[in-house]
PDB file of all heavy atoms in Angstrom:
ATOM      1  N   GLN A   1      10.106  29.554  22.284  1.00  0.00           N
ATOM      2  CA  GLN A   1      10.185  29.598  23.741  1.00  0.00           C
ATOM      3  C   GLN A   1      10.399  28.150  24.344  1.00  0.00           C
ATOM      4  O   GLN A   1      11.171  27.984  25.292  1.00  0.00           O
ATOM      5  CB  GLN A   1       8.890  30.162  24.314  1.00  0.00           C
ATOM      6  CG  GLN A   1       8.733  31.661  24.068  1.00  0.00           C
ATOM      7  CD  GLN A   1       7.336  32.193  24.495  1.00  0.00           C
ATOM      8  OE1 GLN A   1       6.327  31.460  24.392  1.00  0.00           O
ATOM      9  NE2 GLN A   1       7.261  33.459  24.856  1.00  0.00           N
ATOM     10  N   TYR A   2       9.781  27.175  23.753  1.00  0.00           N
ATOM     11  CA  TYR A   2       9.970  25.784  24.186  1.00  0.00           C
ATOM     12  C   TYR A   2      11.359  25.310  23.963  1.00  0.00           C
ATOM     13  O   TYR A   2      11.975  24.634  24.776  1.00  0.00           O
ATOM     14  CB  TYR A   2       8.941  24.911  23.465  1.00  0.00           C
ATOM     15  CG  TYR A   2       9.005  23.446  23.902  1.00  0.00           C
ATOM     16  CD1 TYR A   2       8.651  23.031  25.215  1.00  0.00           C
ATOM     17  CD2 TYR A   2       9.399  22.462  23.025  1.00  0.00           C
ATOM     18  CE1 TYR A   2       8.737  21.717  25.600  1.00  0.00           C
ATOM     19  CE2 TYR A   2       9.465  21.115  23.373  1.00  0.00           C
ATOM     20  CZ  TYR A   2       9.121  20.765  24.679  1.00  0.00           C
ATOM     21  OH  TYR A   2       9.217  19.438  25.100  1.00  0.00           O
ATOM     22  N   ALA A   3      11.945  25.732  22.771  1.00  0.00           N
ATOM     23  CA  ALA A   3      13.299  25.335  22.464  1.00  0.00           C
ATOM     24  C   ALA A   3      14.260  25.916  23.504  1.00  0.00           C
ATOM     25  O   ALA A   3      15.294  25.276  23.874  1.00  0.00           O
ATOM     26  CB  ALA A   3      13.637  25.810  21.035  1.00  0.00           C
ATOM     27  N   ARG A   4      13.957  27.113  23.942  1.00  0.00           N
ATOM     28  CA  ARG A   4      14.851  27.722  24.957  1.00  0.00           C
ATOM     29  C   ARG A   4      14.816  26.918  26.240  1.00  0.00           C
ATOM     30  O   ARG A   4      15.832  26.851  26.988  1.00  0.00           O
ATOM     31  CB  ARG A   4      14.433  29.161  25.228  1.00  0.00           C
ATOM     32  CG  ARG A   4      14.952  30.140  24.177  1.00  0.00           C
ATOM     33  CD  ARG A   4      16.414  30.460  24.363  1.00  0.00           C
ATOM     34  NE  ARG A   4      17.064  30.814  23.181  1.00  0.00           N
ATOM     35  CZ  ARG A   4      17.080  32.040  22.652  1.00  0.00           C
ATOM     36  NH1 ARG A   4      16.408  33.028  23.264  1.00  0.00           N
ATOM     37  NH2 ARG A   4      17.649  32.282  21.532  1.00  0.00           N
ATOM     38  N   GLU A   5      13.702  26.305  26.556  1.00  0.00           N
ATOM     39  CA  GLU A   5      13.606  25.443  27.761  1.00  0.00           C
ATOM     40  C   GLU A   5      14.418  24.156  27.505  1.00  0.00           C
ATOM     41  O   GLU A   5      15.048  23.668  28.438  1.00  0.00           O
ATOM     42  CB  GLU A   5      12.135  25.107  28.028  1.00  0.00           C
ATOM     43  CG  GLU A   5      11.271  26.301  28.422  1.00  0.00           C
ATOM     44  CD  GLU A   5       9.827  25.948  28.558  1.00  0.00           C
ATOM     45  OE1 GLU A   5       9.504  24.702  28.606  1.00  0.00           O
ATOM     46  OE2 GLU A   5       8.956  26.844  28.544  1.00  0.00           O
ATOM     47  N   LEU A   6      14.349  23.595  26.292  1.00  0.00           N
ATOM     48  CA  LEU A   6      15.019  22.367  26.022  1.00  0.00           C
ATOM     49  C   LEU A   6      16.540  22.524  26.006  1.00  0.00           C
ATOM     50  O   LEU A   6      17.279  21.664  26.471  1.00  0.00           O
ATOM     51  CB  LEU A   6      14.566  21.828  24.651  1.00  0.00           C
ATOM     52  CG  LEU A   6      13.129  21.238  24.572  1.00  0.00           C
ATOM     53  CD1 LEU A   6      12.843  20.927  23.087  1.00  0.00           C
ATOM     54  CD2 LEU A   6      12.927  20.052  25.426  1.00  0.00           C
ATOM     55  N   TRP A   7      16.982  23.638  25.384  1.00  0.00           N
ATOM     56  CA  TRP A   7      18.449  23.900  25.306  1.00  0.00           C
ATOM     57  C   TRP A   7      18.732  25.122  26.121  1.00  0.00           C
ATOM     58  O   TRP A   7      18.742  26.251  25.620  1.00  0.00           O
ATOM     59  CB  TRP A   7      18.834  24.119  23.888  1.00  0.00           C
ATOM     60  CG  TRP A   7      18.823  22.888  23.015  1.00  0.00           C
ATOM     61  CD1 TRP A   7      19.821  21.986  22.880  1.00  0.00           C
ATOM     62  CD2 TRP A   7      17.759  22.491  22.118  1.00  0.00           C
ATOM     63  NE1 TRP A   7      19.420  20.974  21.948  1.00  0.00           N
ATOM     64  CE2 TRP A   7      18.177  21.307  21.458  1.00  0.00           C
ATOM     65  CE3 TRP A   7      16.536  22.987  21.764  1.00  0.00           C
ATOM     66  CZ2 TRP A   7      17.388  20.583  20.571  1.00  0.00           C
ATOM     67  CZ3 TRP A   7      15.704  22.334  20.904  1.00  0.00           C
ATOM     68  CH2 TRP A   7      16.178  21.142  20.280  1.00  0.00           C
ATOM     69  N   PRO A   8      19.047  24.962  27.374  1.00  0.00           N
ATOM     70  CA  PRO A   8      19.384  26.157  28.264  1.00  0.00           C
ATOM     71  C   PRO A   8      20.697  26.761  27.876  1.00  0.00           C
ATOM     72  O   PRO A   8      21.561  26.107  27.181  1.00  0.00           O
ATOM     73  CB  PRO A   8      19.429  25.502  29.667  1.00  0.00           C
ATOM     74  CG  PRO A   8      19.809  24.049  29.420  1.00  0.00           C
ATOM     75  CD  PRO A   8      19.214  23.691  28.132  1.00  0.00           C
ATOM     76  N   PRO A   9      20.989  27.976  28.362  1.00  0.00           N
ATOM     77  CA  PRO A   9      22.234  28.607  28.075  1.00  0.00           C
ATOM     78  C   PRO A   9      23.436  27.843  28.578  1.00  0.00           C
ATOM     79  O   PRO A   9      23.309  27.067  29.540  1.00  0.00           O
ATOM     80  CB  PRO A   9      22.109  29.992  28.787  1.00  0.00           C
ATOM     81  CG  PRO A   9      20.644  30.219  28.913  1.00  0.00           C
ATOM     82  CD  PRO A   9      20.062  28.827  29.131  1.00  0.00           C
ATOM     83  N   ASP A  10      24.581  28.028  27.962  1.00  0.00           N
ATOM     84  CA  ASP A  10      25.791  27.323  28.426  1.00  0.00           C
ATOM     85  C   ASP A  10      26.379  28.031  29.678  1.00  0.00           C
ATOM     86  O   ASP A  10      25.808  28.987  30.211  1.00  0.00           O
ATOM     87  CB  ASP A  10      26.819  27.265  27.311  1.00  0.00           C
ATOM     88  CG  ASP A  10      27.313  28.604  26.826  1.00  0.00           C
ATOM     89  OD1 ASP A  10      27.138  29.624  27.532  1.00  0.00           O
ATOM     90  OD2 ASP A  10      27.890  28.665  25.703  1.00  0.00           O
ATOM     91  N   LYS A  11      27.563  27.611  30.138  1.00  0.00           N
ATOM     92  CA  LYS A  11      28.115  28.172  31.336  1.00  0.00           C
ATOM     93  C   LYS A  11      28.482  29.645  31.243  1.00  0.00           C
ATOM     94  O   LYS A  11      28.487  30.414  32.220  1.00  0.00           O
ATOM     95  CB  LYS A  11      29.435  27.389  31.674  1.00  0.00           C
ATOM     96  CG  LYS A  11      29.224  25.939  32.051  1.00  0.00           C
ATOM     97  CD  LYS A  11      30.534  25.217  32.354  1.00  0.00           C
ATOM     98  CE  LYS A  11      30.254  23.750  32.736  1.00  0.00           C
ATOM     99  NZ  LYS A  11      31.510  23.024  33.030  1.00  0.00           N
ATOM    100  N   GLU A  12      28.695  30.130  29.967  1.00  0.00           N
ATOM    101  CA  GLU A  12      28.991  31.562  29.753  1.00  0.00           C
ATOM    102  C   GLU A  12      27.728  32.322  29.557  1.00  0.00           C
ATOM    103  O   GLU A  12      27.803  33.551  29.285  1.00  0.00           O
ATOM    104  CB  GLU A  12      29.932  31.707  28.560  1.00  0.00           C
ATOM    105  CG  GLU A  12      31.414  31.354  28.823  1.00  0.00           C
ATOM    106  CD  GLU A  12      31.612  29.897  28.929  1.00  0.00           C
ATOM    107  OE1 GLU A  12      30.960  29.143  28.149  1.00  0.00           O
ATOM    108  OE2 GLU A  12      32.413  29.431  29.785  1.00  0.00           O
ATOM    109  N   GLY A  13      26.569  31.688  29.606  1.00  0.00           N
ATOM    110  CA  GLY A  13      25.336  32.370  29.448  1.00  0.00           C
ATOM    111  C   GLY A  13      24.864  32.564  27.998  1.00  0.00           C
ATOM    112  O   GLY A  13      23.932  33.276  27.689  1.00  0.00           O
ATOM    113  N   ARG A  14      25.600  31.874  27.078  1.00  0.00           N
ATOM    114  CA  ARG A  14      25.268  32.012  25.652  1.00  0.00           C
ATOM    115  C   ARG A  14      24.151  31.027  25.295  1.00  0.00           C
ATOM    116  O   ARG A  14      24.151  29.864  25.775  1.00  0.00           O
ATOM    117  CB  ARG A  14      26.476  31.741  24.782  1.00  0.00           C
ATOM    118  CG  ARG A  14      27.583  32.774  24.942  1.00  0.00           C
ATOM    119  CD  ARG A  14      28.829  32.353  24.225  1.00  0.00           C
ATOM    120  NE  ARG A  14      29.351  31.142  24.828  1.00  0.00           N
ATOM    121  CZ  ARG A  14      30.585  30.700  24.550  1.00  0.00           C
ATOM    122  NH1 ARG A  14      31.404  31.348  23.850  1.00  0.00           N
ATOM    123  NH2 ARG A  14      30.967  29.522  25.174  1.00  0.00           N
ATOM    124  N   HIS A  15      23.196  31.482  24.470  1.00  0.00           N
ATOM    125  CA  HIS A  15      22.095  30.596  24.054  1.00  0.00           C
ATOM    126  C   HIS A  15      22.643  29.440  23.243  1.00  0.00           C
ATOM    127  O   HIS A  15      23.447  29.592  22.354  1.00  0.00           O
ATOM    128  CB  HIS A  15      21.082  31.375  23.247  1.00  0.00           C
ATOM    129  CG  HIS A  15      20.291  32.375  24.069  1.00  0.00           C
ATOM    130  ND1 HIS A  15      19.558  31.981  25.154  1.00  0.00           N
ATOM    131  CD2 HIS A  15      20.175  33.709  23.936  1.00  0.00           C
ATOM    132  CE1 HIS A  15      18.978  33.013  25.644  1.00  0.00           C
ATOM    133  NE2 HIS A  15      19.291  34.088  25.013  1.00  0.00           N
ATOM    134  N   THR A  16      22.134  28.206  23.526  1.00  0.00           N
ATOM    135  CA  THR A  16      22.494  27.026  22.740  1.00  0.00           C
ATOM    136  C   THR A  16      21.414  26.716  21.722  1.00  0.00           C
ATOM    137  O   THR A  16      21.571  25.802  20.889  1.00  0.00           O
ATOM    138  CB  THR A  16      22.743  25.845  23.686  1.00  0.00           C
ATOM    139  OG1 THR A  16      21.612  25.604  24.465  1.00  0.00           O
ATOM    140  CG2 THR A  16      23.982  26.093  24.554  1.00  0.00           C
ATOM    141  N   SER A  17      20.328  27.415  21.806  1.00  0.00           N
ATOM    142  CA  SER A  17      19.316  27.328  20.741  1.00  0.00           C
ATOM    143  C   SER A  17      19.177  28.729  20.089  1.00  0.00           C
ATOM    144  O   SER A  17      19.036  29.717  20.836  1.00  0.00           O
ATOM    145  CB  SER A  17      17.930  26.857  21.260  1.00  0.00           C
ATOM    146  OG  SER A  17      17.423  27.764  22.223  1.00  0.00           O
ATOM    147  N   THR A  18      19.291  28.829  18.794  1.00  0.00           N
ATOM    148  CA  THR A  18      19.221  30.094  18.102  1.00  0.00           C
ATOM    149  C   THR A  18      18.161  29.962  16.981  1.00  0.00           C
ATOM    150  O   THR A  18      17.925  28.902  16.502  1.00  0.00           O
ATOM    151  CB  THR A  18      20.552  30.511  17.506  1.00  0.00           C
ATOM    152  OG1 THR A  18      21.070  29.489  16.647  1.00  0.00           O
ATOM    153  CG2 THR A  18      21.576  30.775  18.596  1.00  0.00           C
ATOM    154  N   PHE A  19      17.587  31.146  16.643  1.00  0.00           N
ATOM    155  CA  PHE A  19      16.422  31.130  15.758  1.00  0.00           C
ATOM    156  C   PHE A  19      16.534  32.098  14.619  1.00  0.00           C
ATOM    157  O   PHE A  19      17.142  33.136  14.680  1.00  0.00           O
ATOM    158  CB  PHE A  19      15.127  31.459  16.528  1.00  0.00           C
ATOM    159  CG  PHE A  19      15.019  30.738  17.846  1.00  0.00           C
ATOM    160  CD1 PHE A  19      14.997  31.464  19.039  1.00  0.00           C
ATOM    161  CD2 PHE A  19      14.927  29.374  17.901  1.00  0.00           C
ATOM    162  CE1 PHE A  19      14.933  30.850  20.257  1.00  0.00           C
ATOM    163  CE2 PHE A  19      14.848  28.699  19.113  1.00  0.00           C
ATOM    164  CZ  PHE A  19      14.817  29.446  20.293  1.00  0.00           C
ATOM    165  N   SER A  20      15.903  31.697  13.486  1.00  0.00           N
ATOM    166  CA  SER A  20      15.726  32.643  12.371  1.00  0.00           C
ATOM    167  C   SER A  20      14.432  32.312  11.700  1.00  0.00           C
ATOM    168  O   SER A  20      13.848  31.250  11.961  1.00  0.00           O
ATOM    169  CB  SER A  20      16.872  32.513  11.387  1.00  0.00           C
ATOM    170  OG  SER A  20      16.988  31.187  10.858  1.00  0.00           O
ATOM    171  N   ILE A  21      13.929  33.287  10.909  1.00  0.00           N
ATOM    172  CA  ILE A  21      12.660  33.048  10.239  1.00  0.00           C
ATOM    173  C   ILE A  21      12.778  33.685   8.848  1.00  0.00           C
ATOM    174  O   ILE A  21      13.408  34.722   8.666  1.00  0.00           O
ATOM    175  CB  ILE A  21      11.440  33.657  11.022  1.00  0.00           C
ATOM    176  CG1 ILE A  21      10.146  33.257  10.356  1.00  0.00           C
ATOM    177  CG2 ILE A  21      11.576  35.167  11.118  1.00  0.00           C
ATOM    178  CD1 ILE A  21       8.920  33.519  11.248  1.00  0.00           C
ATOM    179  N   SER A  22      12.241  32.985   7.845  1.00  0.00           N
ATOM    180  CA  SER A  22      12.220  33.504   6.488  1.00  0.00           C
ATOM    181  C   SER A  22      10.770  33.799   6.120  1.00  0.00           C
ATOM    182  O   SER A  22       9.908  32.926   6.142  1.00  0.00           O
ATOM    183  CB  SER A  22      12.814  32.362   5.579  1.00  0.00           C
ATOM    184  OG  SER A  22      12.775  32.794   4.257  1.00  0.00           O
ATOM    185  N   THR A  23      10.536  35.043   5.719  1.00  0.00           N
ATOM    186  CA  THR A  23       9.207  35.484   5.426  1.00  0.00           C
ATOM    187  C   THR A  23       9.127  36.305   4.139  1.00  0.00           C
ATOM    188  O   THR A  23      10.121  36.872   3.713  1.00  0.00           O
ATOM    189  CB  THR A  23       8.654  36.344   6.600  1.00  0.00           C
ATOM    190  OG1 THR A  23       7.393  36.951   6.290  1.00  0.00           O
ATOM    191  CG2 THR A  23       9.609  37.508   6.969  1.00  0.00           C
ATOM    192  N   ASN A  24       7.911  36.375   3.549  1.00  0.00           N
ATOM    193  CA  ASN A  24       7.770  37.143   2.276  1.00  0.00           C
ATOM    194  C   ASN A  24       7.471  38.618   2.543  1.00  0.00           C
ATOM    195  O   ASN A  24       7.313  39.419   1.636  1.00  0.00           O
ATOM    196  CB  ASN A  24       6.703  36.533   1.363  1.00  0.00           C
ATOM    197  CG  ASN A  24       5.326  36.441   2.057  1.00  0.00           C
ATOM    198  OD1 ASN A  24       4.941  37.275   2.907  1.00  0.00           O
ATOM    199  ND2 ASN A  24       4.516  35.445   1.706  1.00  0.00           N
ATOM    200  N   GLY A  25       7.367  39.023   3.846  1.00  0.00           N
ATOM    201  CA  GLY A  25       7.229  40.430   4.193  1.00  0.00           C
ATOM    202  C   GLY A  25       5.803  40.981   4.167  1.00  0.00           C
ATOM    203  O   GLY A  25       5.584  42.178   4.313  1.00  0.00           O
ATOM    204  N   MET A  26       4.851  40.113   3.873  1.00  0.00           N
ATOM    205  CA  MET A  26       3.442  40.578   3.756  1.00  0.00           C
ATOM    206  C   MET A  26       2.788  40.799   5.107  1.00  0.00           C
ATOM    207  O   MET A  26       1.740  41.452   5.176  1.00  0.00           O
ATOM    208  CB  MET A  26       2.665  39.597   2.913  1.00  0.00           C
ATOM    209  CG  MET A  26       2.953  39.629   1.450  1.00  0.00           C
ATOM    210  SD  MET A  26       2.267  41.081   0.687  1.00  0.00           S
ATOM    211  CE  MET A  26       0.476  40.683   0.633  1.00  0.00           C
ATOM    212  N   PHE A  27       3.357  40.280   6.160  1.00  0.00           N
ATOM    213  CA  PHE A  27       2.742  40.333   7.474  1.00  0.00           C
ATOM    214  C   PHE A  27       3.605  41.114   8.475  1.00  0.00           C
ATOM    215  O   PHE A  27       4.840  40.863   8.512  1.00  0.00           O
ATOM    216  CB  PHE A  27       2.429  38.985   8.044  1.00  0.00           C
ATOM    217  CG  PHE A  27       1.511  38.194   7.195  1.00  0.00           C
ATOM    218  CD1 PHE A  27       1.961  37.121   6.420  1.00  0.00           C
ATOM    219  CD2 PHE A  27       0.135  38.488   7.159  1.00  0.00           C
ATOM    220  CE1 PHE A  27       1.066  36.374   5.630  1.00  0.00           C
ATOM    221  CE2 PHE A  27      -0.709  37.713   6.380  1.00  0.00           C
ATOM    222  CZ  PHE A  27      -0.286  36.681   5.633  1.00  0.00           C
ATOM    223  N   PHE A  28       3.042  42.065   9.201  1.00  0.00           N
ATOM    224  CA  PHE A  28       3.733  42.727  10.292  1.00  0.00           C
ATOM    225  C   PHE A  28       2.822  42.955  11.448  1.00  0.00           C
ATOM    226  O   PHE A  28       1.723  43.442  11.282  1.00  0.00           O
ATOM    227  CB  PHE A  28       4.325  44.059   9.753  1.00  0.00           C
ATOM    228  CG  PHE A  28       4.978  44.902  10.953  1.00  0.00           C
ATOM    229  CD1 PHE A  28       6.240  44.515  11.395  1.00  0.00           C
ATOM    230  CD2 PHE A  28       4.240  45.857  11.562  1.00  0.00           C
ATOM    231  CE1 PHE A  28       6.794  45.188  12.450  1.00  0.00           C
ATOM    232  CE2 PHE A  28       4.832  46.518  12.623  1.00  0.00           C
ATOM    233  CZ  PHE A  28       6.114  46.198  13.040  1.00  0.00           C
ATOM    234  N   ASP A  29       3.244  42.514  12.576  1.00  0.00           N
ATOM    235  CA  ASP A  29       2.534  42.773  13.827  1.00  0.00           C
ATOM    236  C   ASP A  29       3.617  43.269  14.874  1.00  0.00           C
ATOM    237  O   ASP A  29       4.562  42.482  15.091  1.00  0.00           O
ATOM    238  CB  ASP A  29       1.871  41.506  14.347  1.00  0.00           C
ATOM    239  CG  ASP A  29       1.118  41.791  15.694  1.00  0.00           C
ATOM    240  OD1 ASP A  29       1.751  41.792  16.711  1.00  0.00           O
ATOM    241  OD2 ASP A  29      -0.132  41.972  15.682  1.00  0.00           O
ATOM    242  N   GLU A  30       3.500  44.441  15.353  1.00  0.00           N
ATOM    243  CA  GLU A  30       4.500  45.010  16.217  1.00  0.00           C
ATOM    244  C   GLU A  30       4.837  44.113  17.417  1.00  0.00           C
ATOM    245  O   GLU A  30       5.973  43.864  17.773  1.00  0.00           O
ATOM    246  CB  GLU A  30       4.072  46.378  16.715  1.00  0.00           C
ATOM    247  CG  GLU A  30       5.145  47.079  17.518  1.00  0.00           C
ATOM    248  CD  GLU A  30       4.739  48.480  17.910  1.00  0.00           C
ATOM    249  OE1 GLU A  30       3.631  48.927  17.531  1.00  0.00           O
ATOM    250  OE2 GLU A  30       5.582  49.204  18.554  1.00  0.00           O
ATOM    251  N   GLY A  31       3.765  43.566  18.029  1.00  0.00           N
ATOM    252  CA  GLY A  31       3.974  42.705  19.206  1.00  0.00           C
ATOM    253  C   GLY A  31       4.751  41.442  18.836  1.00  0.00           C
ATOM    254  O   GLY A  31       5.644  41.005  19.577  1.00  0.00           O
ATOM    255  N   VAL A  32       4.463  40.878  17.697  1.00  0.00           N
ATOM    256  CA  VAL A  32       5.116  39.660  17.294  1.00  0.00           C
ATOM    257  C   VAL A  32       6.608  39.931  17.048  1.00  0.00           C
ATOM    258  O   VAL A  32       7.477  39.186  17.503  1.00  0.00           O
ATOM    259  CB  VAL A  32       4.480  39.108  15.972  1.00  0.00           C
ATOM    260  CG1 VAL A  32       5.390  38.044  15.295  1.00  0.00           C
ATOM    261  CG2 VAL A  32       3.105  38.523  16.257  1.00  0.00           C
ATOM    262  N   PHE A  33       6.923  40.989  16.364  1.00  0.00           N
ATOM    263  CA  PHE A  33       8.311  41.260  16.014  1.00  0.00           C
ATOM    264  C   PHE A  33       9.115  41.769  17.270  1.00  0.00           C
ATOM    265  O   PHE A  33      10.327  41.507  17.364  1.00  0.00           O
ATOM    266  CB  PHE A  33       8.436  42.280  14.911  1.00  0.00           C
ATOM    267  CG  PHE A  33       8.322  41.606  13.551  1.00  0.00           C
ATOM    268  CD1 PHE A  33       7.057  41.474  12.965  1.00  0.00           C
ATOM    269  CD2 PHE A  33       9.437  41.106  12.924  1.00  0.00           C
ATOM    270  CE1 PHE A  33       6.968  40.776  11.716  1.00  0.00           C
ATOM    271  CE2 PHE A  33       9.321  40.446  11.716  1.00  0.00           C
ATOM    272  CZ  PHE A  33       8.095  40.328  11.084  1.00  0.00           C
ATOM    273  N   LYS A  34       8.414  42.357  18.205  1.00  0.00           N
ATOM    274  CA  LYS A  34       9.102  42.705  19.470  1.00  0.00           C
ATOM    275  C   LYS A  34       9.433  41.406  20.213  1.00  0.00           C
ATOM    276  O   LYS A  34      10.485  41.295  20.836  1.00  0.00           O
ATOM    277  CB  LYS A  34       8.237  43.581  20.291  1.00  0.00           C
ATOM    278  CG  LYS A  34       8.276  45.100  19.866  1.00  0.00           C
ATOM    279  CD  LYS A  34       7.496  45.981  20.726  1.00  0.00           C
ATOM    280  CE  LYS A  34       7.602  47.443  20.325  1.00  0.00           C
ATOM    281  NZ  LYS A  34       6.853  48.372  21.180  1.00  0.00           N
ATOM    282  N   LYS A  35       8.539  40.468  20.131  1.00  0.00           N
ATOM    283  CA  LYS A  35       8.838  39.179  20.758  1.00  0.00           C
ATOM    284  C   LYS A  35       9.969  38.440  20.072  1.00  0.00           C
ATOM    285  O   LYS A  35      10.834  37.859  20.737  1.00  0.00           O
ATOM    286  CB  LYS A  35       7.575  38.273  20.757  1.00  0.00           C
ATOM    287  CG  LYS A  35       7.620  37.080  21.674  1.00  0.00           C
ATOM    288  CD  LYS A  35       7.656  37.551  23.100  1.00  0.00           C
ATOM    289  CE  LYS A  35       7.879  36.394  24.062  1.00  0.00           C
ATOM    290  NZ  LYS A  35       7.940  36.909  25.491  1.00  0.00           N
ATOM    291  N   PHE A  36      10.035  38.543  18.722  1.00  0.00           N
ATOM    292  CA  PHE A  36      11.129  38.011  17.984  1.00  0.00           C
ATOM    293  C   PHE A  36      12.453  38.616  18.443  1.00  0.00           C
ATOM    294  O   PHE A  36      13.453  37.966  18.569  1.00  0.00           O
ATOM    295  CB  PHE A  36      10.948  38.231  16.498  1.00  0.00           C
ATOM    296  CG  PHE A  36       9.906  37.380  15.833  1.00  0.00           C
ATOM    297  CD1 PHE A  36       9.538  37.588  14.517  1.00  0.00           C
ATOM    298  CD2 PHE A  36       9.320  36.329  16.530  1.00  0.00           C
ATOM    299  CE1 PHE A  36       8.575  36.782  13.870  1.00  0.00           C
ATOM    300  CE2 PHE A  36       8.339  35.564  15.888  1.00  0.00           C
ATOM    301  CZ  PHE A  36       8.016  35.764  14.576  1.00  0.00           C
ATOM    302  N   ALA A  37      12.433  39.941  18.665  1.00  0.00           N
ATOM    303  CA  ALA A  37      13.623  40.642  19.096  1.00  0.00           C
ATOM    304  C   ALA A  37      14.071  40.121  20.464  1.00  0.00           C
ATOM    305  O   ALA A  37      15.244  39.958  20.702  1.00  0.00           O
ATOM    306  CB  ALA A  37      13.385  42.141  19.128  1.00  0.00           C
ATOM    307  N   GLU A  38      13.117  39.910  21.359  1.00  0.00           N
ATOM    308  CA  GLU A  38      13.417  39.365  22.681  1.00  0.00           C
ATOM    309  C   GLU A  38      14.092  38.012  22.602  1.00  0.00           C
ATOM    310  O   GLU A  38      15.026  37.655  23.384  1.00  0.00           O
ATOM    311  CB  GLU A  38      12.202  39.287  23.560  1.00  0.00           C
ATOM    312  CG  GLU A  38      11.621  40.641  23.984  1.00  0.00           C
ATOM    313  CD  GLU A  38      10.285  40.464  24.729  1.00  0.00           C
ATOM    314  OE1 GLU A  38      10.007  39.337  25.171  1.00  0.00           O
ATOM    315  OE2 GLU A  38       9.520  41.445  24.813  1.00  0.00           O
TER     316      GLU A  38
END
């Protein structure tokens, strides 16, 4: 969320900060992954 504040969208509305996460799959929280989707 902080990165989105630092790097705002460009003139076409595209995000200039993008994210990925690498996980071993042992943890799942519906609220967390819905936030990831957002």
